[in-house]
Amino acid sequence: MNESVEQQQSKTELRRLLLKQRQSLPLEEWRGKSDRICSHLKSSLLFTQSKTILAYFSFRQEPDLSPLFTDTKKRWGFPRCLGKSLSWHSWQPTEALQTGAYGILEPEVDSPILEPDAVNLILVPAVACDVRGYRLGYGGGYYDRLLSSSEWASKPTIGIVFEEAYLPHLPREAWDIQLHHVCTDNGLRSHI
């Protein structure tokens, strides 16, 4: 068996294990850990200086960043899945959402699109991140494709995971993109 196939199998097994672990978190613990992540983000210079931030709506018990979205001084962008890529749309808490691909909430189709030059920071969901800044996603490659494109590659990124999913090492493929920072319930770490 070649190395890439072995890595893919180990990524699949690791993803399954970590998702099961995350989904078994008691609701109160999940809320507390999510709130600590939000607190670390709010106190970081990178976050406070950013005007337009791309984020995500929590799915499968991902860390919940929704307490941040009430900050009306920020312009928030959220993804819509379009085929094999993501488009980013402006959204405010007073606006409606719809259920999109994979059952994930997303802004409505006619919501304004955010262009890369308007974005200051990307908060990246992950199943896990490692101490080098690499992430394990859900396997669709959406964020790796986004972050490898020239118009998005220079944007600061923060991977968002619970501390238990911040690992010493993740299997890595040539196309995996290194994140600049990772934020867990224990704090924000830089990888650049």
Protein backbone atom coordinates (compact mmCIF):
# COMPACT_ATOMS: atom_id res chain seq x y z
CA MET A 1 0.00 0.00 0.00
CA ASN A 2 1.44 3.41 -0.88
CA GLU A 3 2.01 6.11 1.76
CA SER A 4 -0.78 8.42 0.54
CA VAL A 5 -3.41 5.66 0.85
CA GLU A 6 -2.14 4.82 4.37
CA GLN A 7 -2.27 8.51 5.35
CA GLN A 8 -5.81 8.79 3.98
CA GLN A 9 -6.93 5.78 6.01
CA SER A 10 -5.30 7.15 9.16
CA LYS A 11 -6.92 10.56 8.54
CA THR A 12 -10.31 8.88 8.15
CA GLU A 13 -9.88 6.86 11.35
CA LEU A 14 -8.57 9.86 13.28
CA ARG A 15 -11.44 12.03 12.02
CA ARG A 16 -14.01 9.43 13.09
CA LEU A 17 -12.44 9.08 16.56
CA LEU A 18 -12.16 12.85 17.17
CA LEU A 19 -15.70 13.58 15.95
CA LYS A 20 -17.08 10.89 18.24
CA GLN A 21 -15.06 12.33 21.16
CA ARG A 22 -16.27 15.88 20.43
CA GLN A 23 -19.91 14.85 20.08
CA SER A 24 -19.77 13.08 23.44
CA LEU A 25 -18.95 16.35 25.27
CA PRO A 26 -21.69 17.22 27.76
CA LEU A 27 -23.57 20.34 26.63
CA GLU A 28 -22.45 22.42 29.62
CA GLU A 29 -18.77 21.56 29.02
CA TRP A 30 -19.12 22.28 25.27
CA ARG A 31 -20.66 25.68 26.05
CA GLY A 32 -17.93 26.54 28.60
CA LYS A 33 -15.11 25.54 26.24
CA SER A 34 -16.72 27.47 23.37
CA ASP A 35 -17.08 30.57 25.57
CA ARG A 36 -13.39 30.38 26.55
CA ILE A 37 -12.40 30.22 22.86
CA CYS A 38 -14.54 33.32 22.20
CA SER A 39 -12.90 35.08 25.14
CA HIS A 40 -9.38 34.31 23.86
CA LEU A 41 -10.32 35.56 20.40
CA LYS A 42 -11.88 38.79 21.75
CA SER A 43 -8.71 39.58 23.69
CA SER A 44 -6.36 38.99 20.73
CA LEU A 45 -4.99 41.95 18.80
CA LEU A 46 -5.50 40.10 15.51
CA PHE A 47 -9.24 39.82 16.20
CA THR A 48 -9.78 43.30 17.65
CA GLN A 49 -8.00 44.99 14.72
CA SER A 50 -9.99 43.05 12.10
CA LYS A 51 -13.01 44.76 10.55
CA THR A 52 -14.25 41.92 8.31
CA ILE A 53 -14.02 38.36 9.61
CA LEU A 54 -14.96 35.11 7.93
CA ALA A 55 -16.40 32.59 10.38
CA TYR A 56 -18.65 29.53 10.48
CA PHE A 57 -21.86 28.36 12.13
CA SER A 58 -21.23 25.52 14.59
CA PHE A 59 -22.07 22.07 13.23
CA ARG A 60 -21.59 18.64 14.83
CA GLN A 61 -20.68 20.26 18.14
CA GLU A 62 -17.83 22.35 16.71
CA PRO A 63 -16.76 25.17 19.00
CA ASP A 64 -19.62 27.70 18.95
CA LEU A 65 -18.49 31.20 17.98
CA SER A 66 -21.99 32.72 17.89
CA PRO A 67 -21.38 34.98 20.96
CA LEU A 68 -18.88 36.87 18.76
CA PHE A 69 -21.43 37.58 16.02
CA THR A 70 -23.30 40.18 18.08
CA ASP A 71 -20.32 42.56 17.68
CA THR A 72 -21.90 45.02 15.25
CA LYS A 73 -18.58 46.83 14.73
CA LYS A 74 -17.43 43.80 12.77
CA ARG A 75 -18.61 42.72 9.35
CA TRP A 76 -19.19 38.96 9.37
CA GLY A 77 -18.88 36.59 6.43
CA PHE A 78 -20.08 32.99 6.25
CA PRO A 79 -19.64 30.31 3.61
CA ARG A 80 -22.09 28.95 1.11
CA CYS A 81 -21.10 25.71 -0.63
CA LEU A 82 -21.12 26.04 -4.41
CA GLY A 83 -20.10 22.76 -5.99
CA LYS A 84 -16.54 22.08 -4.81
CA SER A 85 -15.86 25.62 -3.57
CA LEU A 86 -17.01 28.15 -1.00
CA SER A 87 -18.43 31.60 -1.64
CA TRP A 88 -18.44 34.06 1.25
CA HIS A 89 -21.49 36.15 2.07
CA SER A 90 -22.04 39.01 4.46
CA TRP A 91 -24.42 38.26 7.35
CA GLN A 92 -25.70 40.05 10.45
CA PRO A 93 -27.68 38.50 13.36
CA THR A 94 -30.92 40.16 12.23
CA GLU A 95 -30.79 38.40 8.84
CA ALA A 96 -32.32 35.03 7.97
CA LEU A 97 -30.32 31.85 7.42
CA GLN A 98 -31.06 28.73 5.43
CA THR A 99 -29.89 25.14 5.66
CA GLY A 100 -27.41 24.46 2.90
CA ALA A 101 -25.22 21.62 1.71
CA TYR A 102 -24.39 19.05 4.39
CA GLY A 103 -27.10 20.47 6.69
CA ILE A 104 -25.00 23.50 7.64
CA LEU A 105 -26.61 26.91 8.17
CA GLU A 106 -25.61 29.55 5.62
CA PRO A 107 -26.64 33.05 4.53
CA GLU A 108 -29.43 33.29 1.99
CA VAL A 109 -28.56 33.10 -1.71
CA ASP A 110 -29.11 36.83 -2.34
CA SER A 111 -26.93 38.01 0.57
CA PRO A 112 -23.99 40.22 -0.48
CA ILE A 113 -20.80 38.42 -1.53
CA LEU A 114 -17.58 39.36 0.29
CA GLU A 115 -14.55 39.83 -1.92
CA PRO A 116 -11.11 38.73 -0.65
CA ASP A 117 -9.69 42.27 -0.49
CA ALA A 118 -12.33 43.21 2.11
CA VAL A 119 -11.44 40.36 4.49
CA ASN A 120 -9.01 40.78 7.41
CA LEU A 121 -9.23 37.41 9.17
CA ILE A 122 -10.52 33.85 8.60
CA LEU A 123 -11.70 31.69 11.52
CA VAL A 124 -11.34 28.14 10.20
CA PRO A 125 -13.37 25.20 11.55
CA ALA A 126 -11.50 21.93 12.02
CA VAL A 127 -11.81 18.44 13.43
CA ALA A 128 -8.24 18.85 14.76
CA CYS A 129 -5.13 21.01 14.41
CA ASP A 130 -1.53 20.22 15.24
CA VAL A 131 1.29 22.20 16.81
CA ARG A 132 2.65 23.08 13.34
CA GLY A 133 -0.65 24.72 12.32
CA TYR A 134 -1.95 21.96 10.04
CA ARG A 135 -5.62 21.01 10.29
CA LEU A 136 -7.72 17.95 9.83
CA GLY A 137 -10.99 18.94 8.22
CA TYR A 138 -14.00 16.91 7.19
CA GLY A 139 -12.36 15.57 4.02
CA GLY A 140 -14.00 17.76 1.38
CA GLY A 141 -10.95 19.98 0.76
CA TYR A 142 -13.01 23.20 0.73
CA TYR A 143 -10.68 25.20 2.99
CA ASP A 144 -7.46 23.82 1.45
CA ARG A 145 -8.69 24.90 -2.00
CA LEU A 146 -9.74 28.31 -0.68
CA LEU A 147 -6.53 29.00 1.23
CA SER A 148 -4.28 27.83 -1.61
CA SER A 149 -5.81 30.32 -4.07
CA SER A 150 -3.74 33.46 -4.60
CA GLU A 151 -6.47 35.91 -3.53
CA TRP A 152 -6.97 34.19 -0.13
CA ALA A 153 -3.47 32.82 0.64
CA SER A 154 -2.23 35.97 2.39
CA LYS A 155 -5.22 36.30 4.76
CA PRO A 156 -4.47 35.58 8.44
CA THR A 157 -6.08 32.34 9.56
CA ILE A 158 -7.01 30.95 12.97
CA GLY A 159 -7.95 27.28 13.29
CA ILE A 160 -10.65 26.74 15.93
CA VAL A 161 -10.61 23.51 17.97
CA PHE A 162 -11.05 22.32 21.53
CA GLU A 163 -7.79 21.65 23.40
CA GLU A 164 -8.28 17.85 23.15
CA ALA A 165 -8.11 18.19 19.34
CA TYR A 166 -4.86 20.22 19.39
CA LEU A 167 -2.43 17.41 18.66
CA PRO A 168 1.36 17.04 18.42
CA HIS A 169 1.17 15.73 14.85
CA LEU A 170 -1.43 15.15 12.12
CA PRO A 171 -0.99 13.13 8.92
CA ARG A 172 -0.34 15.63 6.14
CA GLU A 173 -0.75 15.69 2.38
CA ALA A 174 1.16 17.95 -0.04
CA TRP A 175 -1.97 20.11 -0.58
CA ASP A 176 -2.67 20.71 3.14
CA ILE A 177 -2.38 24.40 4.01
CA GLN A 178 -0.70 25.54 7.22
CA LEU A 179 -2.79 27.90 9.37
CA HIS A 180 -1.17 30.97 10.94
CA HIS A 181 -2.70 30.44 14.39
CA VAL A 182 -4.81 27.97 16.36
CA CYS A 183 -7.22 28.96 19.13
CA THR A 184 -8.41 26.45 21.72
CA ASP A 185 -10.15 26.81 25.06
CA ASN A 186 -6.62 27.08 26.56
CA GLY A 187 -5.51 30.03 24.41
CA LEU A 188 -4.31 31.34 21.05
CA ARG A 189 -1.08 29.95 19.61
CA SER A 190 0.89 31.34 16.70
CA HIS A 191 2.38 29.14 13.97
CA ILE A 192 4.01 31.76 11.75
